[in-house]
C-alpha atoms as a PDB file:
ATOM      1  CA  MET A   1      63.232 122.178 135.869  1.00  0.00           C
ATOM      2  CA  THR A   2      64.012 120.688 132.462  1.00  0.00           C
ATOM      3  CA  SER A   3      66.252 117.840 131.320  1.00  0.00           C
ATOM      4  CA  TYR A   4      68.224 116.509 128.367  1.00  0.00           C
ATOM      5  CA  THR A   5      69.340 112.919 127.706  1.00  0.00           C
ATOM      6  CA  ILE A   6      72.593 111.778 126.101  1.00  0.00           C
ATOM      7  CA  LYS A   7      73.501 108.230 125.077  1.00  0.00           C
ATOM      8  CA  ILE A   8      77.231 107.506 125.111  1.00  0.00           C
ATOM      9  CA  ASN A   9      78.234 105.968 121.775  1.00  0.00           C
ATOM     10  CA  ASP A  10      82.013 106.431 121.903  1.00  0.00           C
ATOM     11  CA  MET A  11      83.880 103.116 122.137  1.00  0.00           C
ATOM     12  CA  GLY A  12      85.870 104.504 125.069  1.00  0.00           C
ATOM     13  CA  GLY A  13      82.791 105.605 126.977  1.00  0.00           C
ATOM     14  CA  LEU A  14      82.714 109.089 128.471  1.00  0.00           C
ATOM     15  CA  THR A  15      86.335 110.160 128.079  1.00  0.00           C
ATOM     16  CA  SER A  16      88.215 112.879 129.929  1.00  0.00           C
ATOM     17  CA  ARG A  17      87.881 115.143 126.902  1.00  0.00           C
ATOM     18  CA  SER A  18      84.129 114.508 126.623  1.00  0.00           C
ATOM     19  CA  SER A  19      83.724 115.171 130.337  1.00  0.00           C
ATOM     20  CA  ALA A  20      85.633 118.432 129.993  1.00  0.00           C
ATOM     21  CA  GLU A  21      83.366 119.512 127.108  1.00  0.00           C
ATOM     22  CA  LEU A  22      80.271 118.920 129.243  1.00  0.00           C
ATOM     23  CA  VAL A  23      81.727 120.728 132.262  1.00  0.00           C
ATOM     24  CA  GLU A  24      82.853 123.671 130.130  1.00  0.00           C
ATOM     25  CA  GLU A  25      79.357 124.039 128.681  1.00  0.00           C
ATOM     26  CA  ALA A  26      77.809 123.785 132.150  1.00  0.00           C
ATOM     27  CA  ASN A  27      80.019 126.585 133.430  1.00  0.00           C
ATOM     28  CA  HIS A  28      78.665 128.967 130.790  1.00  0.00           C
ATOM     29  CA  HIS A  29      75.304 129.012 132.582  1.00  0.00           C
ATOM     30  CA  LYS A  30      74.026 130.296 135.926  1.00  0.00           C
ATOM     31  CA  CYS A  31      71.463 127.578 136.632  1.00  0.00           C
ATOM     32  CA  ASP A  32      72.111 124.428 138.645  1.00  0.00           C
ATOM     33  CA  ILE A  33      73.119 121.632 136.249  1.00  0.00           C
ATOM     34  CA  ARG A  34      73.293 118.016 137.408  1.00  0.00           C
ATOM     35  CA  LEU A  35      74.416 114.845 135.669  1.00  0.00           C
ATOM     36  CA  LYS A  36      72.548 111.653 136.554  1.00  0.00           C
ATOM     37  CA  LEU A  37      73.391 108.067 135.588  1.00  0.00           C
ATOM     38  CA  GLU A  38      70.880 105.275 135.067  1.00  0.00           C
ATOM     39  CA  ASN A  39      71.876 103.703 138.402  1.00  0.00           C
ATOM     40  CA  GLY A  40      70.834 106.876 140.247  1.00  0.00           C
ATOM     41  CA  ASP A  41      74.314 108.283 140.894  1.00  0.00           C
ATOM     42  CA  GLU A  42      74.481 111.994 140.190  1.00  0.00           C
ATOM     43  CA  CYS A  43      76.766 114.979 140.521  1.00  0.00           C
ATOM     44  CA  ASP A  44      77.122 118.702 139.939  1.00  0.00           C
ATOM     45  CA  LEU A  45      78.115 118.991 136.278  1.00  0.00           C
ATOM     46  CA  LYS A  46      80.071 122.186 136.898  1.00  0.00           C
ATOM     47  CA  SER A  47      82.903 120.245 138.556  1.00  0.00           C
ATOM     48  CA  ILE A  48      85.183 117.985 136.525  1.00  0.00           C
ATOM     49  CA  MET A  49      86.226 116.163 139.710  1.00  0.00           C
ATOM     50  CA  ASN A  50      82.589 115.298 140.452  1.00  0.00           C
ATOM     51  CA  VAL A  51      82.167 113.902 136.936  1.00  0.00           C
ATOM     52  CA  PHE A  52      85.364 111.861 137.283  1.00  0.00           C
ATOM     53  CA  ALA A  53      84.027 110.464 140.578  1.00  0.00           C
ATOM     54  CA  LEU A  54      81.196 108.807 138.594  1.00  0.00           C
ATOM     55  CA  ALA A  55      83.667 107.024 136.295  1.00  0.00           C
ATOM     56  CA  PRO A  56      83.793 104.720 134.541  1.00  0.00           C
ATOM     57  CA  ILE A  57      80.886 105.667 132.295  1.00  0.00           C
ATOM     58  CA  SER A  58      80.930 103.128 129.493  1.00  0.00           C
ATOM     59  CA  ARG A  59      79.539 102.957 125.981  1.00  0.00           C
ATOM     60  CA  GLY A  60      75.768 102.593 125.931  1.00  0.00           C
ATOM     61  CA  ALA A  61      75.243 104.511 129.162  1.00  0.00           C
ATOM     62  CA  VAL A  62      72.349 106.951 129.189  1.00  0.00           C
ATOM     63  CA  LEU A  63      73.033 110.226 130.982  1.00  0.00           C
ATOM     64  CA  THR A  64      70.345 112.657 132.059  1.00  0.00           C
ATOM     65  CA  ILE A  65      71.309 116.286 132.492  1.00  0.00           C
ATOM     66  CA  THR A  66      68.878 118.362 134.547  1.00  0.00           C
ATOM     67  CA  PHE A  67      68.699 122.136 134.571  1.00  0.00           C
ATOM     68  CA  SER A  68      67.143 124.200 137.337  1.00  0.00           C
ATOM     69  CA  GLY A  69      67.247 127.961 137.592  1.00  0.00           C
ATOM     70  CA  GLU A  70      66.990 131.249 135.782  1.00  0.00           C
ATOM     71  CA  ASP A  71      68.625 130.315 132.461  1.00  0.00           C
ATOM     72  CA  GLU A  72      67.689 126.634 132.252  1.00  0.00           C
ATOM     73  CA  ASP A  73      66.153 126.942 128.773  1.00  0.00           C
ATOM     74  CA  SER A  74      69.283 128.494 127.271  1.00  0.00           C
ATOM     75  CA  ALA A  75      71.425 125.933 129.114  1.00  0.00           C
ATOM     76  CA  LYS A  76      69.435 123.079 127.596  1.00  0.00           C
ATOM     77  CA  ALA A  77      69.756 124.669 124.156  1.00  0.00           C
ATOM     78  CA  GLY A  78      73.521 124.942 124.694  1.00  0.00           C
ATOM     79  CA  PHE A  79      73.781 121.238 125.520  1.00  0.00           C
ATOM     80  CA  GLU A  80      71.644 120.298 122.523  1.00  0.00           C
ATOM     81  CA  LYS A  81      73.979 122.283 120.281  1.00  0.00           C
ATOM     82  CA  LEU A  82      77.077 120.758 121.910  1.00  0.00           C
ATOM     83  CA  CYS A  83      75.743 117.219 121.468  1.00  0.00           C
ATOM     84  CA  ASN A  84      74.884 117.862 117.817  1.00  0.00           C
ATOM     85  CA  GLU A  85      78.420 119.123 117.155  1.00  0.00           C
ATOM     86  CA  TYR A  86      80.366 116.721 119.378  1.00  0.00           C
ATOM     87  CA  SER A  87      80.196 112.948 119.236  1.00  0.00           C
ATOM     88  CA  PHE A  88      79.676 111.373 122.638  1.00  0.00           C
END
């Protein structure tokens, strides 16, 4: 299992569009990918409805994405690339 951390810097917090970007990236991979908030709440990142259930996720929140499974290293690399290209 490996993980990646994102800090939300957007004034609007984690928006619908940002959530969709994360879910889309997650669905490109076979491994189990989970999104965890600082308060311990977590969800399957492959479902937009699960991400919306965690809302609101405000500016300054730190999100931990965990990867578990056969392609977890490439999944983490995909999220690193996404976060470097997309402003959260």
